[in-house]
Amino acid sequence: MSVSFRFIHAADLHLDSPFRGLAKAPGQVRERLADSTFDALRRLTDAAVTEKVDFVVLSGDLFDAADLSLRAQLLLVREWEKLEAHGISVFAIHGNHDPLDGARADLKLPGNVHVFGAEGMDYRPAYRRSGELAAFVYGRSYGTKVVTDNMAAGYRPQPEGPFHIAMLHGNVDGDGTHDPYAPCSLADLTGNGFDYWALGHIHGRRVLHEYPHVVYAGNAQGRNPREIGAKGCYLVDVSASRSVTLTFVPLDSVRWIEQTHPIGEAESEQELLRQLSAEADRLAAEADGRSVMIRFRLTGRGALHRQLAEPAVRLALLEQLQTEPPEREPWAFVHELVADTEPAIPWEALAAEDSFAGELYRLSGRLMDNEALWSEFAKEAVAPLAGHAGLGRLLREELEERPARWLAQARELTLGLIGRDEE
């Protein structure tokens, strides 16, 4: 007979993960980043206790490296002991970052914790804190860093289980943003009798399927500029009728943000700097008490386009944004400034203009729209260099494809220079 229960699904804690490339950041920023994965673990414990969950499943990469950090191991055991004091069980598997063949301290785990081995799929009963059987939890750890077999194919639910939760650290349907470890298809997971697949490895949270639920919880704390947005875990409620409700619980203490900012209303570098500083403060105020690491992406058309194309100008602006070190939390730190802007050129007017600039605009448009025309034009343009042994081969390789982005940039640069000469 089924009973209602509640559990937390988390993955990819990556405890003691290093944050590289921020040597010039203020000490407070570096320290907060270094502690952020540990902060996420503490918040996970707090959430489990506050939400009165029955158990927690951790789907791999608890640690960031195979040779486990002693600090991370000690802290994890301490947090698990807190859960034990509240009658909350923990089920865990190891992934590619922390396989079981890595070096580790000989620590005794509390009795509420079960870590699945690597020999094959195993299962354990999971109980409500009040003692009723809630589910069977299944899992298998990585024995080594690289696992290329379809581990999911070896999972089989036990017939007597009231609800079946399968933990897997793997790549479903070949997500190209992550290594192809423990590869499997969504069909492998939805057709074998499990009720909930608690997945790890992919750091973006997503629900791939419902009934049965196939869920990536994502990582608990963003670790680099690619891992933007809120990070955390899923609180999973299962009713006696086996309906499933997912609630996202943020755990991150530092949030990575990519923010676009149009340059159209900035007439000077000073004005742009003022706008970006105000925008950084706003983002920090809206981050639910988290500090924020910001990458600004400058967009749109404006008078500053030509200046922002110069790396030295962008670096000077970035250094000014980083001049004032954070004095209190939450803080905002701008770690990168990227320009993806266009010159303030009246494209619509140029399309009909009877002038050299207008003809150049129309020609570039035809080249971008017509591959055969581009090929003919390009070969004619570089014909004087085609006989050179090194350059000729390089040009042939580069011109095999129509680089639309290059054409757009060349058009913008040329027309921008023409417009400046006519001022």
Protein backbone atom coordinates (compact mmCIF):
# COMPACT_ATOMS: atom_id res chain seq x y z
CA MET A 1 0.00 0.00 0.00
CA SER A 2 1.33 3.46 -0.93
CA VAL A 3 1.74 6.30 1.56
CA SER A 4 2.45 9.97 1.01
CA PHE A 5 6.03 11.09 1.59
CA ARG A 6 8.46 13.89 0.84
CA PHE A 7 12.09 13.82 -0.22
CA ILE A 8 14.80 16.09 -1.59
CA HIS A 9 16.53 15.32 -4.88
CA ALA A 10 19.91 17.04 -5.19
CA ALA A 11 23.03 16.38 -7.25
CA ASP A 12 26.42 17.76 -8.23
CA LEU A 13 27.39 19.43 -4.98
CA HIS A 14 31.04 19.57 -6.17
CA LEU A 15 32.24 20.33 -2.66
CA ASP A 16 35.46 22.36 -2.47
CA SER A 17 35.32 23.20 -6.17
CA PRO A 18 38.09 25.66 -7.17
CA PHE A 19 37.11 28.92 -8.87
CA ARG A 20 39.78 29.72 -11.43
CA GLY A 21 40.45 32.89 -13.39
CA LEU A 22 39.55 35.32 -10.60
CA ALA A 23 42.98 36.13 -9.22
CA LYS A 24 42.32 39.87 -9.54
CA ALA A 25 39.00 39.75 -7.71
CA PRO A 26 38.86 41.26 -4.20
CA GLY A 27 39.58 38.90 -1.34
CA GLN A 28 35.99 38.95 -0.10
CA VAL A 29 34.76 37.78 -3.50
CA ARG A 30 37.31 34.96 -3.71
CA GLU A 31 36.57 33.82 -0.16
CA ARG A 32 32.80 33.79 -0.72
CA LEU A 33 33.22 31.78 -3.93
CA ALA A 34 35.56 29.31 -2.22
CA ASP A 35 32.98 28.74 0.53
CA SER A 36 29.93 28.74 -1.73
CA THR A 37 29.71 24.98 -2.33
CA PHE A 38 29.89 24.40 1.42
CA ASP A 39 27.22 27.05 1.98
CA ALA A 40 24.97 25.21 -0.49
CA LEU A 41 25.43 21.97 1.48
CA ARG A 42 24.47 23.71 4.73
CA ARG A 43 21.41 25.18 3.07
CA LEU A 44 20.50 21.73 1.80
CA THR A 45 20.54 20.42 5.36
CA ASP A 46 18.49 23.39 6.57
CA ALA A 47 15.93 22.84 3.80
CA ALA A 48 15.60 19.13 4.62
CA VAL A 49 14.98 19.91 8.29
CA THR A 50 12.68 22.88 7.70
CA GLU A 51 10.58 21.06 5.09
CA LYS A 52 10.43 17.92 7.26
CA VAL A 53 11.48 15.60 4.46
CA ASP A 54 11.65 11.86 5.02
CA PHE A 55 14.89 11.31 3.13
CA VAL A 56 17.41 12.89 0.73
CA VAL A 57 18.82 11.44 -2.50
CA LEU A 58 22.15 12.77 -3.82
CA SER A 59 22.79 11.78 -7.43
CA GLY A 60 26.55 11.93 -7.82
CA ASP A 61 29.53 14.29 -7.82
CA LEU A 62 29.29 15.03 -4.13
CA PHE A 63 32.92 16.11 -4.33
CA ASP A 64 34.79 17.95 -7.06
CA ALA A 65 37.80 15.66 -7.38
CA ALA A 66 38.57 11.94 -7.20
CA ASP A 67 41.15 12.54 -4.45
CA LEU A 68 38.68 13.89 -1.98
CA SER A 69 39.24 17.07 -0.01
CA LEU A 70 39.46 16.26 3.72
CA ARG A 71 37.67 19.49 4.56
CA ALA A 72 34.81 18.52 2.25
CA GLN A 73 34.57 14.98 3.66
CA LEU A 74 34.46 16.17 7.26
CA LEU A 75 31.82 18.80 6.53
CA LEU A 76 29.65 16.35 4.61
CA VAL A 77 29.71 13.84 7.46
CA ARG A 78 28.83 16.59 9.93
CA GLU A 79 25.83 17.65 7.85
CA TRP A 80 24.69 14.05 7.52
CA GLU A 81 24.89 13.70 11.29
CA LYS A 82 22.55 16.70 11.62
CA LEU A 83 20.08 14.94 9.33
CA GLU A 84 20.38 11.77 11.37
CA ALA A 85 19.40 13.73 14.48
CA HIS A 86 16.15 14.66 12.72
CA GLY A 87 15.42 11.14 11.50
CA ILE A 88 16.20 11.94 7.86
CA SER A 89 17.89 9.23 5.77
CA VAL A 90 20.40 9.90 2.99
CA PHE A 91 20.98 7.86 -0.17
CA ALA A 92 23.99 8.79 -2.31
CA ILE A 93 25.93 7.73 -5.37
CA HIS A 94 29.32 8.87 -6.66
CA GLY A 95 29.84 10.22 -10.17
CA ASN A 96 32.67 10.92 -12.58
CA HIS A 97 34.21 13.68 -10.44
CA ASP A 98 34.36 11.57 -7.26
CA PRO A 99 34.60 7.91 -8.33
CA LEU A 100 35.14 5.29 -5.66
CA ASP A 101 38.72 4.56 -6.76
CA GLY A 102 39.88 8.00 -5.56
CA ALA A 103 41.82 8.63 -2.36
CA ARG A 104 39.70 9.37 0.70
CA ALA A 105 39.92 9.52 4.46
CA ASP A 106 38.75 6.57 6.52
CA LEU A 107 35.68 8.25 8.02
CA LYS A 108 32.76 6.48 9.67
CA LEU A 109 29.45 7.47 8.12
CA PRO A 110 26.41 7.96 10.32
CA GLY A 111 23.84 5.17 10.34
CA ASN A 112 21.25 7.13 8.34
CA VAL A 113 23.47 7.17 5.22
CA HIS A 114 23.72 4.58 2.47
CA VAL A 115 26.26 5.07 -0.34
CA PHE A 116 25.70 2.72 -3.26
CA GLY A 117 28.66 0.74 -4.57
CA ALA A 118 29.96 0.43 -8.12
CA GLU A 119 29.65 -3.31 -8.73
CA GLY A 120 26.09 -3.10 -10.03
CA MET A 121 22.67 -1.68 -9.31
CA ASP A 122 21.53 -2.13 -5.73
CA TYR A 123 18.49 -0.95 -3.81
CA ARG A 124 17.45 0.01 -0.30
CA PRO A 125 14.08 0.67 1.35
CA ALA A 126 13.30 4.28 2.24
CA TYR A 127 11.00 4.99 5.16
CA ARG A 128 8.95 7.91 6.34
CA ARG A 129 10.27 9.42 9.54
CA SER A 130 7.21 7.91 11.23
CA GLY A 131 8.35 4.43 10.19
CA GLU A 132 6.14 3.44 7.22
CA LEU A 133 7.77 2.10 4.09
CA ALA A 134 7.66 4.86 1.46
CA ALA A 135 9.76 3.69 -1.50
CA PHE A 136 12.65 1.64 -2.77
CA VAL A 137 15.70 3.68 -3.78
CA TYR A 138 18.06 2.24 -6.41
CA GLY A 139 21.54 3.38 -7.33
CA ARG A 140 25.02 2.65 -8.57
CA SER A 141 28.21 4.67 -8.14
CA TYR A 142 31.07 5.17 -10.57
CA GLY A 143 34.03 2.92 -9.79
CA THR A 144 36.29 4.96 -12.08
CA LYS A 145 36.12 8.40 -13.63
CA VAL A 146 35.14 7.27 -17.12
CA VAL A 147 32.00 5.17 -17.47
CA THR A 148 30.84 4.77 -21.07
CA ASP A 149 28.41 1.87 -20.57
CA ASN A 150 24.67 2.36 -20.41
CA MET A 151 24.29 1.91 -16.65
CA ALA A 152 20.53 2.48 -16.85
CA ALA A 153 20.13 -0.74 -18.84
CA GLY A 154 21.04 -2.71 -15.72
CA TYR A 155 18.37 -1.13 -13.50
CA ARG A 156 15.38 -3.30 -12.59
CA PRO A 157 12.63 -2.39 -10.08
CA GLN A 158 11.72 -4.87 -7.36
CA PRO A 159 8.06 -5.94 -7.63
CA GLU A 160 7.27 -5.49 -3.94
CA GLY A 161 8.27 -1.81 -3.79
CA PRO A 162 5.46 0.76 -3.28
CA PHE A 163 7.31 3.48 -5.25
CA HIS A 164 10.56 3.21 -7.18
CA ILE A 165 13.24 5.97 -7.19
CA ALA A 166 16.27 5.33 -9.42
CA MET A 167 19.42 7.40 -8.94
CA LEU A 168 21.67 7.77 -11.98
CA HIS A 169 24.62 10.01 -12.79
CA GLY A 170 24.60 10.09 -16.56
CA ASN A 171 23.96 11.77 -19.87
CA VAL A 172 20.47 11.31 -21.32
CA ASP A 173 20.09 11.61 -25.11
CA GLY A 174 23.62 12.89 -25.67
CA ASP A 175 23.66 16.35 -24.12
CA GLY A 176 26.69 17.89 -25.83
CA THR A 177 27.44 20.32 -23.00
CA HIS A 178 28.63 17.48 -20.73
CA ASP A 179 30.82 14.41 -21.09
CA PRO A 180 29.00 11.35 -22.51
CA TYR A 181 29.30 9.31 -19.30
CA ALA A 182 26.76 6.56 -18.55
CA PRO A 183 24.91 7.43 -21.77
CA CYS A 184 21.29 6.41 -22.19
CA SER A 185 18.13 7.49 -23.96
CA LEU A 186 14.97 8.89 -22.46
CA ALA A 187 13.18 5.78 -23.75
CA ASP A 188 15.56 3.65 -21.65
CA LEU A 189 14.32 5.43 -18.54
CA THR A 190 10.61 5.77 -19.18
CA GLY A 191 9.90 2.18 -20.14
CA ASN A 192 11.29 0.07 -17.31
CA GLY A 193 8.91 0.54 -14.39
CA PHE A 194 10.52 3.21 -12.25
CA ASP A 195 8.41 6.08 -10.92
CA TYR A 196 11.12 8.72 -10.51
CA TRP A 197 14.59 8.97 -12.04
CA ALA A 198 16.74 11.21 -9.83
CA LEU A 199 19.45 12.27 -12.26
CA GLY A 200 22.80 13.98 -11.84
CA HIS A 201 25.67 15.08 -14.14
CA ILE A 202 23.88 17.78 -16.20
CA HIS A 203 24.14 21.05 -14.29
CA GLY A 204 21.02 22.67 -15.70
CA ARG A 205 17.87 21.57 -13.88
CA ARG A 206 15.17 20.20 -16.14
CA VAL A 207 12.24 17.81 -16.15
CA LEU A 208 12.64 15.49 -19.13
CA HIS A 209 9.43 13.52 -18.58
CA GLU A 210 6.47 13.26 -16.22
CA TYR A 211 4.87 9.98 -15.05
CA PRO A 212 7.36 8.51 -14.86
CA HIS A 213 9.32 11.55 -13.79
CA VAL A 214 12.81 11.89 -15.26
CA VAL A 215 14.46 14.84 -13.55
CA TYR A 216 17.83 16.59 -13.48
CA ALA A 217 18.11 18.62 -10.26
CA GLY A 218 21.05 20.60 -11.65
CA ASN A 219 23.96 21.57 -9.43
CA ALA A 220 23.54 23.16 -6.04
CA GLN A 221 25.86 26.13 -6.65
CA GLY A 222 26.96 27.75 -9.90
CA ARG A 223 30.70 27.27 -10.37
CA ASN A 224 31.56 29.38 -13.43
CA PRO A 225 30.09 32.02 -15.77
CA ARG A 226 28.34 29.36 -17.88
CA GLU A 227 26.24 28.18 -14.93
CA ILE A 228 23.94 31.16 -14.68
CA GLY A 229 20.76 31.62 -12.71
CA ALA A 230 19.40 30.11 -9.51
CA LYS A 231 20.87 26.76 -8.45
CA GLY A 232 19.56 24.33 -5.86
CA CYS A 233 17.52 21.15 -5.46
CA TYR A 234 14.02 19.77 -5.90
CA LEU A 235 11.61 19.17 -3.05
CA VAL A 236 9.50 16.21 -4.19
CA ASP A 237 6.08 15.45 -2.73
CA VAL A 238 4.53 12.07 -3.52
CA SER A 239 0.90 11.52 -2.57
CA ALA A 240 -0.70 8.25 -1.52
CA SER A 241 -2.15 8.06 -5.03
CA ARG A 242 1.44 8.37 -6.42
CA SER A 243 1.03 11.85 -7.88
CA VAL A 244 4.28 13.83 -7.89
CA THR A 245 4.78 17.55 -7.20
CA LEU A 246 8.15 19.25 -7.72
CA THR A 247 9.17 22.47 -5.96
CA PHE A 248 12.51 24.10 -6.71
CA VAL A 249 14.48 25.18 -3.62
CA PRO A 250 17.43 27.56 -4.26
CA LEU A 251 20.60 26.71 -2.35
CA ASP A 252 23.21 28.99 -3.93
CA SER A 253 24.88 31.79 -2.01
CA VAL A 254 26.56 33.36 -5.06
CA ARG A 255 24.60 33.63 -8.29
CA TRP A 256 26.15 33.99 -11.73
CA ILE A 257 24.23 36.33 -14.02
CA GLU A 258 24.57 37.35 -17.66
CA GLN A 259 22.85 40.66 -18.24
CA THR A 260 22.37 42.41 -21.58
CA HIS A 261 22.60 46.19 -21.58
CA PRO A 262 21.73 48.34 -24.63
CA ILE A 263 24.13 51.18 -25.37
CA GLY A 264 21.64 53.36 -27.26
CA GLU A 265 21.12 55.90 -24.46
CA ALA A 266 24.78 56.31 -23.53
CA GLU A 267 26.50 59.20 -25.29
CA SER A 268 29.81 58.82 -23.46
CA GLU A 269 31.89 56.21 -21.68
CA GLN A 270 31.22 58.00 -18.40
CA GLU A 271 27.47 57.75 -18.88
CA LEU A 272 27.72 54.06 -19.82
CA LEU A 273 29.78 53.42 -16.70
CA ARG A 274 27.14 55.10 -14.55
CA GLN A 275 24.39 52.99 -16.15
CA LEU A 276 26.29 49.73 -15.64
CA SER A 277 27.06 50.53 -12.01
CA ALA A 278 23.38 51.26 -11.31
CA GLU A 279 22.36 48.08 -13.13
CA ALA A 280 24.79 46.00 -11.03
CA ASP A 281 23.28 47.41 -7.84
CA ARG A 282 19.78 46.57 -9.07
CA LEU A 283 20.75 42.99 -9.91
CA ALA A 284 22.22 42.50 -6.45
CA ALA A 285 19.05 43.87 -4.83
CA GLU A 286 16.87 41.44 -6.82
CA ALA A 287 18.92 38.28 -6.13
CA ASP A 288 17.02 37.16 -3.00
CA GLY A 289 19.88 37.99 -0.66
CA ARG A 290 22.54 36.34 -2.80
CA SER A 291 25.72 38.00 -3.98
CA VAL A 292 26.02 38.13 -7.77
CA MET A 293 28.79 37.62 -10.29
CA ILE A 294 27.83 39.59 -13.40
CA ARG A 295 28.83 39.34 -17.02
CA PHE A 296 27.54 42.38 -18.88
CA ARG A 297 26.84 41.89 -22.57
CA LEU A 298 26.58 45.26 -24.29
CA THR A 299 24.11 45.21 -27.18
CA GLY A 300 22.25 47.41 -29.63
CA ARG A 301 23.25 50.40 -31.73
CA GLY A 302 24.78 53.53 -30.37
CA ALA A 303 27.41 56.23 -30.52
CA LEU A 304 29.86 54.15 -28.45
CA HIS A 305 29.96 51.17 -30.79
CA ARG A 306 33.35 52.04 -32.31
CA GLN A 307 34.97 52.71 -28.94
CA LEU A 308 33.64 49.48 -27.44
CA ALA A 309 35.17 47.48 -30.28
CA GLU A 310 38.56 48.31 -28.74
CA PRO A 311 39.64 45.78 -26.06
CA ALA A 312 41.51 48.51 -24.18
CA VAL A 313 38.32 50.54 -23.79
CA ARG A 314 36.34 47.58 -22.48
CA LEU A 315 39.15 46.71 -20.07
CA ALA A 316 39.25 50.28 -18.74
CA LEU A 317 35.50 50.24 -18.17
CA LEU A 318 35.68 46.86 -16.45
CA GLU A 319 38.48 48.02 -14.17
CA GLN A 320 36.39 51.03 -13.15
CA LEU A 321 33.42 48.80 -12.37
CA GLN A 322 35.70 46.70 -10.18
CA THR A 323 37.38 49.65 -8.44
CA GLU A 324 35.13 49.68 -5.38
CA PRO A 325 35.60 46.40 -3.47
CA PRO A 326 32.48 44.93 -1.84
CA GLU A 327 32.21 46.09 1.77
CA ARG A 328 29.14 44.10 2.78
CA GLU A 329 26.97 41.27 1.57
CA PRO A 330 25.18 40.74 -0.67
CA TRP A 331 27.52 42.32 -3.17
CA ALA A 332 27.73 42.61 -6.96
CA PHE A 333 30.99 41.96 -8.80
CA VAL A 334 31.31 42.48 -12.55
CA HIS A 335 33.73 39.82 -13.75
CA GLU A 336 33.44 40.37 -17.51
CA LEU A 337 32.33 42.98 -20.04
CA VAL A 338 31.47 41.76 -23.54
CA ALA A 339 30.53 43.97 -26.51
CA ASP A 340 28.09 42.72 -29.14
CA THR A 341 27.00 46.08 -30.49
CA GLU A 342 26.26 47.70 -33.85
CA PRO A 343 27.06 51.15 -35.18
CA ALA A 344 24.34 53.79 -35.24
CA ILE A 345 23.84 53.40 -38.99
CA PRO A 346 20.42 54.01 -40.59
CA TRP A 347 20.23 50.64 -42.35
CA GLU A 348 16.71 51.16 -43.72
CA ALA A 349 17.66 54.45 -45.33
CA LEU A 350 20.83 52.97 -46.81
CA ALA A 351 18.88 50.21 -48.52
CA ALA A 352 17.25 52.82 -50.79
CA GLU A 353 20.03 55.41 -50.88
CA ASP A 354 21.61 56.23 -54.27
CA SER A 355 25.18 56.49 -53.02
CA PHE A 356 28.38 54.49 -52.67
CA ALA A 357 27.41 53.56 -49.12
CA GLY A 358 23.97 52.46 -50.30
CA GLU A 359 25.40 50.29 -53.07
CA LEU A 360 27.91 48.76 -50.66
CA TYR A 361 25.07 47.90 -48.24
CA ARG A 362 23.00 46.28 -50.98
CA LEU A 363 25.97 44.31 -52.31
CA SER A 364 26.85 42.94 -48.88
CA GLY A 365 23.24 41.87 -48.42
CA ARG A 366 23.27 39.98 -51.73
CA LEU A 367 26.53 38.25 -50.77
CA MET A 368 25.11 37.09 -47.45
CA ASP A 369 21.95 35.78 -49.10
CA ASN A 370 23.54 34.02 -52.08
CA GLU A 371 26.22 31.40 -51.49
CA ALA A 372 27.18 31.06 -55.16
CA LEU A 373 27.54 34.84 -55.54
CA TRP A 374 29.66 34.99 -52.37
CA SER A 375 31.95 32.22 -53.64
CA GLU A 376 32.48 33.94 -56.98
CA PHE A 377 33.04 37.35 -55.40
CA ALA A 378 35.45 36.04 -52.78
CA LYS A 379 37.57 34.08 -55.25
CA GLU A 380 37.87 37.15 -57.48
CA ALA A 381 38.81 39.36 -54.53
CA VAL A 382 41.67 37.11 -53.38
CA ALA A 383 42.83 36.05 -56.85
CA PRO A 384 46.11 38.06 -56.63
CA LEU A 385 47.07 36.01 -53.55
CA ALA A 386 45.89 32.62 -54.76
CA GLY A 387 49.29 31.72 -56.21
CA HIS A 388 51.06 32.09 -52.88
CA ALA A 389 51.79 28.60 -51.48
CA GLY A 390 50.86 29.26 -47.82
CA LEU A 391 48.29 32.02 -48.21
CA GLY A 392 46.56 30.35 -51.13
CA ARG A 393 45.89 27.17 -49.18
CA LEU A 394 44.74 29.12 -46.12
CA LEU A 395 42.38 31.27 -48.16
CA ARG A 396 40.88 28.26 -49.91
CA GLU A 397 40.12 26.66 -46.54
CA GLU A 398 38.63 29.84 -45.10
CA LEU A 399 36.47 30.57 -48.14
CA GLU A 400 34.91 27.13 -48.37
CA GLU A 401 32.12 28.43 -46.18
CA ARG A 402 30.27 31.70 -46.30
CA PRO A 403 31.21 33.50 -43.04
CA ALA A 404 28.07 35.61 -42.65
CA ARG A 405 29.31 37.01 -39.37
CA TRP A 406 32.50 38.27 -41.02
CA LEU A 407 30.51 39.93 -43.78
CA ALA A 408 28.24 41.62 -41.26
CA GLN A 409 31.21 42.89 -39.25
CA ALA A 410 33.00 44.10 -42.38
CA ARG A 411 29.86 45.89 -43.53
CA GLU A 412 29.39 47.60 -40.20
CA LEU A 413 33.05 48.64 -39.98
CA THR A 414 33.24 49.96 -43.54
CA LEU A 415 29.95 51.83 -43.46
CA GLY A 416 30.81 53.20 -40.03
CA LEU A 417 34.11 54.56 -41.38
CA ILE A 418 32.38 56.03 -44.43
CA GLY A 419 29.87 57.73 -42.18
CA ARG A 420 32.63 59.15 -39.98
CA ASP A 421 34.53 60.51 -43.01
CA GLU A 422 31.36 62.25 -44.19
CA GLU A 423 30.79 64.01 -40.83
